[in-house]
Amino acid sequence: MDDLQKGRMLVFLQFALIIILAMYPDSTTVDSRINILGTVFVAIGLILLFGGFRGLGKSLTANPVPNQDGALVTNGIYSIVRHPIYLGLLIITFGLVVSSGVVAQFVPWFALVILLTYKMRWEEYLLTAKYKGYADYMTKVPAIIPGLKPRKIK
């Protein structure tokens, strides 16, 4: 399996887990405050997600394999976190879990966390190989949690 095929498989699994989380039946006894909290998470995640989309421009791809004609982006939201799209997806899906009121939904959400962590680490390996400045960027900007001391992902 080549890198593009592996990337497609990871993207397929990512979207499958997101669809499971979005389609999972909600509890009928969810407190309205919990529902509002979940909606706030979804809104924050959408802002991060679209900020990440906008910031990447022509470098945007769902596949972790960098675009051939892409460029390293380190400004805007990418000066705060290296992976705002993954962060946005995790916050959106966490909001779906919270607002659903179904504890069992944490199972596919944790599977998504594991998958995105793997995808992010592999993507960073590919980005380091493609862009000379990426290793230095990794030491300055945290991967996913703003304000967290950055460390190089191996």
C-alpha atoms as a PDB file:
ATOM      1  CA  MET A   1       0.000   0.000   0.000  1.00  0.00           C
ATOM      2  CA  ASP A   2       1.502   3.351  -1.002  1.00  0.00           C
ATOM      3  CA  ASP A   3       1.213   6.593   0.999  1.00  0.00           C
ATOM      4  CA  LEU A   4      -1.785   7.927  -0.967  1.00  0.00           C
ATOM      5  CA  GLN A   5      -3.720   4.673  -0.493  1.00  0.00           C
ATOM      6  CA  LYS A   6      -2.888   4.625   3.215  1.00  0.00           C
ATOM      7  CA  GLY A   7      -4.000   8.248   3.471  1.00  0.00           C
ATOM      8  CA  ARG A   8      -7.295   7.479   1.708  1.00  0.00           C
ATOM      9  CA  MET A   9      -7.932   4.597   4.108  1.00  0.00           C
ATOM     10  CA  LEU A  10      -7.303   6.859   7.131  1.00  0.00           C
ATOM     11  CA  VAL A  11      -9.621   9.543   5.718  1.00  0.00           C
ATOM     12  CA  PHE A  12     -12.320   6.916   5.078  1.00  0.00           C
ATOM     13  CA  LEU A  13     -12.074   5.649   8.665  1.00  0.00           C
ATOM     14  CA  GLN A  14     -12.111   9.231   9.983  1.00  0.00           C
ATOM     15  CA  PHE A  15     -15.302  10.088   8.085  1.00  0.00           C
ATOM     16  CA  ALA A  16     -16.909   6.760   9.039  1.00  0.00           C
ATOM     17  CA  LEU A  17     -16.369   7.535  12.742  1.00  0.00           C
ATOM     18  CA  ILE A  18     -17.667  11.092  12.311  1.00  0.00           C
ATOM     19  CA  ILE A  19     -20.794   9.777  10.561  1.00  0.00           C
ATOM     20  CA  ILE A  20     -21.344   7.253  13.361  1.00  0.00           C
ATOM     21  CA  LEU A  21     -21.114  10.074  15.905  1.00  0.00           C
ATOM     22  CA  ALA A  22     -23.434  12.347  13.917  1.00  0.00           C
ATOM     23  CA  MET A  23     -26.042   9.627  13.262  1.00  0.00           C
ATOM     24  CA  TYR A  24     -26.041   8.050  16.736  1.00  0.00           C
ATOM     25  CA  PRO A  25     -29.509   8.398  18.298  1.00  0.00           C
ATOM     26  CA  ASP A  26     -29.706  11.015  21.043  1.00  0.00           C
ATOM     27  CA  SER A  27     -31.109  10.366  24.479  1.00  0.00           C
ATOM     28  CA  THR A  28     -34.632  11.653  24.968  1.00  0.00           C
ATOM     29  CA  THR A  29     -33.807  12.817  28.502  1.00  0.00           C
ATOM     30  CA  VAL A  30     -30.947  15.232  27.809  1.00  0.00           C
ATOM     31  CA  ASP A  31     -31.023  18.338  29.980  1.00  0.00           C
ATOM     32  CA  SER A  32     -31.324  21.459  27.821  1.00  0.00           C
ATOM     33  CA  ARG A  33     -28.208  22.943  29.471  1.00  0.00           C
ATOM     34  CA  ILE A  34     -26.175  19.914  28.403  1.00  0.00           C
ATOM     35  CA  ASN A  35     -27.572  20.260  24.894  1.00  0.00           C
ATOM     36  CA  ILE A  36     -26.570  23.940  24.825  1.00  0.00           C
ATOM     37  CA  LEU A  37     -23.075  23.076  26.090  1.00  0.00           C
ATOM     38  CA  GLY A  38     -22.678  20.527  23.298  1.00  0.00           C
ATOM     39  CA  THR A  39     -23.850  23.094  20.750  1.00  0.00           C
ATOM     40  CA  VAL A  40     -21.253  25.592  22.040  1.00  0.00           C
ATOM     41  CA  PHE A  41     -18.531  22.956  21.539  1.00  0.00           C
ATOM     42  CA  VAL A  42     -19.763  22.326  17.990  1.00  0.00           C
ATOM     43  CA  ALA A  43     -19.698  26.076  17.236  1.00  0.00           C
ATOM     44  CA  ILE A  44     -16.153  26.502  18.597  1.00  0.00           C
ATOM     45  CA  GLY A  45     -14.998  23.457  16.647  1.00  0.00           C
ATOM     46  CA  LEU A  46     -16.534  24.783  13.425  1.00  0.00           C
ATOM     47  CA  ILE A  47     -14.685  28.094  13.844  1.00  0.00           C
ATOM     48  CA  LEU A  48     -11.381  26.238  14.263  1.00  0.00           C
ATOM     49  CA  LEU A  49     -12.143  23.868  11.405  1.00  0.00           C
ATOM     50  CA  PHE A  50     -12.976  26.611   8.917  1.00  0.00           C
ATOM     51  CA  GLY A  51     -10.082  28.755  10.153  1.00  0.00           C
ATOM     52  CA  GLY A  52      -7.804  25.820   9.384  1.00  0.00           C
ATOM     53  CA  PHE A  53      -9.387  25.320   5.950  1.00  0.00           C
ATOM     54  CA  ARG A  54      -9.012  28.995   5.100  1.00  0.00           C
ATOM     55  CA  GLY A  55      -5.450  29.174   6.379  1.00  0.00           C
ATOM     56  CA  LEU A  56      -4.232  26.267   4.258  1.00  0.00           C
ATOM     57  CA  GLY A  57      -5.598  27.584   0.968  1.00  0.00           C
ATOM     58  CA  LYS A  58      -4.179  25.532  -1.919  1.00  0.00           C
ATOM     59  CA  SER A  59      -2.370  23.240   0.524  1.00  0.00           C
ATOM     60  CA  LEU A  60      -5.707  21.903   1.871  1.00  0.00           C
ATOM     61  CA  THR A  61      -6.268  18.174   1.526  1.00  0.00           C
ATOM     62  CA  ALA A  62      -8.062  15.616   3.699  1.00  0.00           C
ATOM     63  CA  ASN A  63      -5.326  13.144   2.852  1.00  0.00           C
ATOM     64  CA  PRO A  64      -2.344  13.411   5.220  1.00  0.00           C
ATOM     65  CA  VAL A  65       0.000  13.192   2.225  1.00  0.00           C
ATOM     66  CA  PRO A  66       0.980  16.816   1.465  1.00  0.00           C
ATOM     67  CA  ASN A  67      -0.098  18.300  -1.870  1.00  0.00           C
ATOM     68  CA  GLN A  68       2.637  18.338  -4.497  1.00  0.00           C
ATOM     69  CA  ASP A  69       2.158  22.076  -5.096  1.00  0.00           C
ATOM     70  CA  GLY A  70       1.350  22.926  -1.475  1.00  0.00           C
ATOM     71  CA  ALA A  71       3.314  25.289   0.736  1.00  0.00           C
ATOM     72  CA  LEU A  72       4.205  25.192   4.418  1.00  0.00           C
ATOM     73  CA  VAL A  73       1.731  27.409   6.289  1.00  0.00           C
ATOM     74  CA  THR A  74       2.872  28.740   9.685  1.00  0.00           C
ATOM     75  CA  ASN A  75       0.909  31.991  10.002  1.00  0.00           C
ATOM     76  CA  GLY A  76      -2.627  32.827  11.134  1.00  0.00           C
ATOM     77  CA  ILE A  77      -4.259  30.047  13.115  1.00  0.00           C
ATOM     78  CA  TYR A  78      -1.248  27.860  12.243  1.00  0.00           C
ATOM     79  CA  SER A  79       0.898  30.112  14.443  1.00  0.00           C
ATOM     80  CA  ILE A  80      -1.230  28.998  17.426  1.00  0.00           C
ATOM     81  CA  VAL A  81      -1.599  25.255  16.722  1.00  0.00           C
ATOM     82  CA  ARG A  82      -0.157  23.042  14.003  1.00  0.00           C
ATOM     83  CA  HIS A  83      -3.386  21.078  13.487  1.00  0.00           C
ATOM     84  CA  PRO A  84      -6.443  23.333  13.922  1.00  0.00           C
ATOM     85  CA  ILE A  85      -8.524  21.125  11.627  1.00  0.00           C
ATOM     86  CA  TYR A  86      -7.962  18.031  13.774  1.00  0.00           C
ATOM     87  CA  LEU A  87      -8.622  20.108  16.893  1.00  0.00           C
ATOM     88  CA  GLY A  88     -11.822  21.457  15.343  1.00  0.00           C
ATOM     89  CA  LEU A  89     -13.001  17.957  14.406  1.00  0.00           C
ATOM     90  CA  LEU A  90     -12.354  16.675  17.919  1.00  0.00           C
ATOM     91  CA  ILE A  91     -14.215  19.584  19.519  1.00  0.00           C
ATOM     92  CA  ILE A  92     -17.153  19.295  17.087  1.00  0.00           C
ATOM     93  CA  THR A  93     -17.518  15.576  17.671  1.00  0.00           C
ATOM     94  CA  PHE A  94     -17.079  16.013  21.432  1.00  0.00           C
ATOM     95  CA  GLY A  95     -19.951  18.502  21.268  1.00  0.00           C
ATOM     96  CA  LEU A  96     -22.068  15.904  19.457  1.00  0.00           C
ATOM     97  CA  VAL A  97     -21.286  13.360  22.166  1.00  0.00           C
ATOM     98  CA  VAL A  98     -22.086  15.789  24.989  1.00  0.00           C
ATOM     99  CA  SER A  99     -25.330  17.041  23.457  1.00  0.00           C
ATOM    100  CA  SER A 100     -26.496  13.492  22.703  1.00  0.00           C
ATOM    101  CA  GLY A 101     -26.497  12.524  26.363  1.00  0.00           C
ATOM    102  CA  VAL A 102     -25.427   8.985  25.414  1.00  0.00           C
ATOM    103  CA  VAL A 103     -22.369   7.791  27.307  1.00  0.00           C
ATOM    104  CA  ALA A 104     -21.789   4.963  24.797  1.00  0.00           C
ATOM    105  CA  GLN A 105     -20.966   7.598  22.186  1.00  0.00           C
ATOM    106  CA  PHE A 106     -17.626   8.121  23.899  1.00  0.00           C
ATOM    107  CA  VAL A 107     -16.475   4.783  22.423  1.00  0.00           C
ATOM    108  CA  PRO A 108     -16.453   5.940  18.771  1.00  0.00           C
ATOM    109  CA  TRP A 109     -15.210   9.381  19.912  1.00  0.00           C
ATOM    110  CA  PHE A 110     -12.169   7.824  21.631  1.00  0.00           C
ATOM    111  CA  ALA A 111     -11.600   5.724  18.497  1.00  0.00           C
ATOM    112  CA  LEU A 112     -11.597   8.998  16.521  1.00  0.00           C
ATOM    113  CA  VAL A 113      -9.091  10.520  18.970  1.00  0.00           C
ATOM    114  CA  ILE A 114      -6.779   7.530  18.471  1.00  0.00           C
ATOM    115  CA  LEU A 115      -7.186   7.598  14.693  1.00  0.00           C
ATOM    116  CA  LEU A 116      -6.561  11.358  14.414  1.00  0.00           C
ATOM    117  CA  THR A 117      -3.531  11.079  16.704  1.00  0.00           C
ATOM    118  CA  TYR A 118      -2.069   8.398  14.453  1.00  0.00           C
ATOM    119  CA  LYS A 119      -2.973  10.384  11.313  1.00  0.00           C
ATOM    120  CA  MET A 120      -1.424  13.550  12.768  1.00  0.00           C
ATOM    121  CA  ARG A 121       1.829  11.807  13.681  1.00  0.00           C
ATOM    122  CA  TRP A 122       2.153  10.224  10.258  1.00  0.00           C
ATOM    123  CA  GLU A 123       1.307  13.531   8.586  1.00  0.00           C
ATOM    124  CA  GLU A 124       4.014  15.259  10.630  1.00  0.00           C
ATOM    125  CA  TYR A 125       6.521  12.653   9.476  1.00  0.00           C
ATOM    126  CA  LEU A 126       5.549  13.390   5.856  1.00  0.00           C
ATOM    127  CA  LEU A 127       5.587  17.177   6.386  1.00  0.00           C
ATOM    128  CA  THR A 128       9.041  17.011   7.984  1.00  0.00           C
ATOM    129  CA  ALA A 129      10.315  15.099   4.954  1.00  0.00           C
ATOM    130  CA  LYS A 130       8.740  17.560   2.494  1.00  0.00           C
ATOM    131  CA  TYR A 131       9.423  20.939   4.150  1.00  0.00           C
ATOM    132  CA  LYS A 132      12.845  21.886   5.457  1.00  0.00           C
ATOM    133  CA  GLY A 133      11.377  24.306   8.045  1.00  0.00           C
ATOM    134  CA  TYR A 134       8.780  21.932   9.492  1.00  0.00           C
ATOM    135  CA  ALA A 135      11.008  20.418  12.194  1.00  0.00           C
ATOM    136  CA  ASP A 136      11.800  23.916  13.494  1.00  0.00           C
ATOM    137  CA  TYR A 137       8.091  24.870  13.319  1.00  0.00           C
ATOM    138  CA  MET A 138       7.269  21.813  15.453  1.00  0.00           C
ATOM    139  CA  THR A 139       9.519  23.141  18.232  1.00  0.00           C
ATOM    140  CA  LYS A 140       7.737  26.517  18.298  1.00  0.00           C
ATOM    141  CA  VAL A 141       4.030  25.724  17.903  1.00  0.00           C
ATOM    142  CA  PRO A 142       2.063  23.069  19.832  1.00  0.00           C
ATOM    143  CA  ALA A 143       0.454  20.308  17.793  1.00  0.00           C
ATOM    144  CA  ILE A 144      -3.118  20.573  18.971  1.00  0.00           C
ATOM    145  CA  ILE A 145      -3.531  22.244  22.379  1.00  0.00           C
ATOM    146  CA  PRO A 146      -2.918  26.022  22.351  1.00  0.00           C
ATOM    147  CA  GLY A 147      -0.574  27.184  25.090  1.00  0.00           C
ATOM    148  CA  LEU A 148       0.880  23.717  25.651  1.00  0.00           C
ATOM    149  CA  LYS A 149       4.664  23.606  25.422  1.00  0.00           C
ATOM    150  CA  PRO A 150       5.396  22.289  21.934  1.00  0.00           C
ATOM    151  CA  ARG A 151       7.276  19.065  21.556  1.00  0.00           C
ATOM    152  CA  LYS A 152       8.382  17.184  18.542  1.00  0.00           C
ATOM    153  CA  ILE A 153       6.118  14.287  17.600  1.00  0.00           C
ATOM    154  CA  LYS A 154       8.082  11.183  16.678  1.00  0.00           C
END
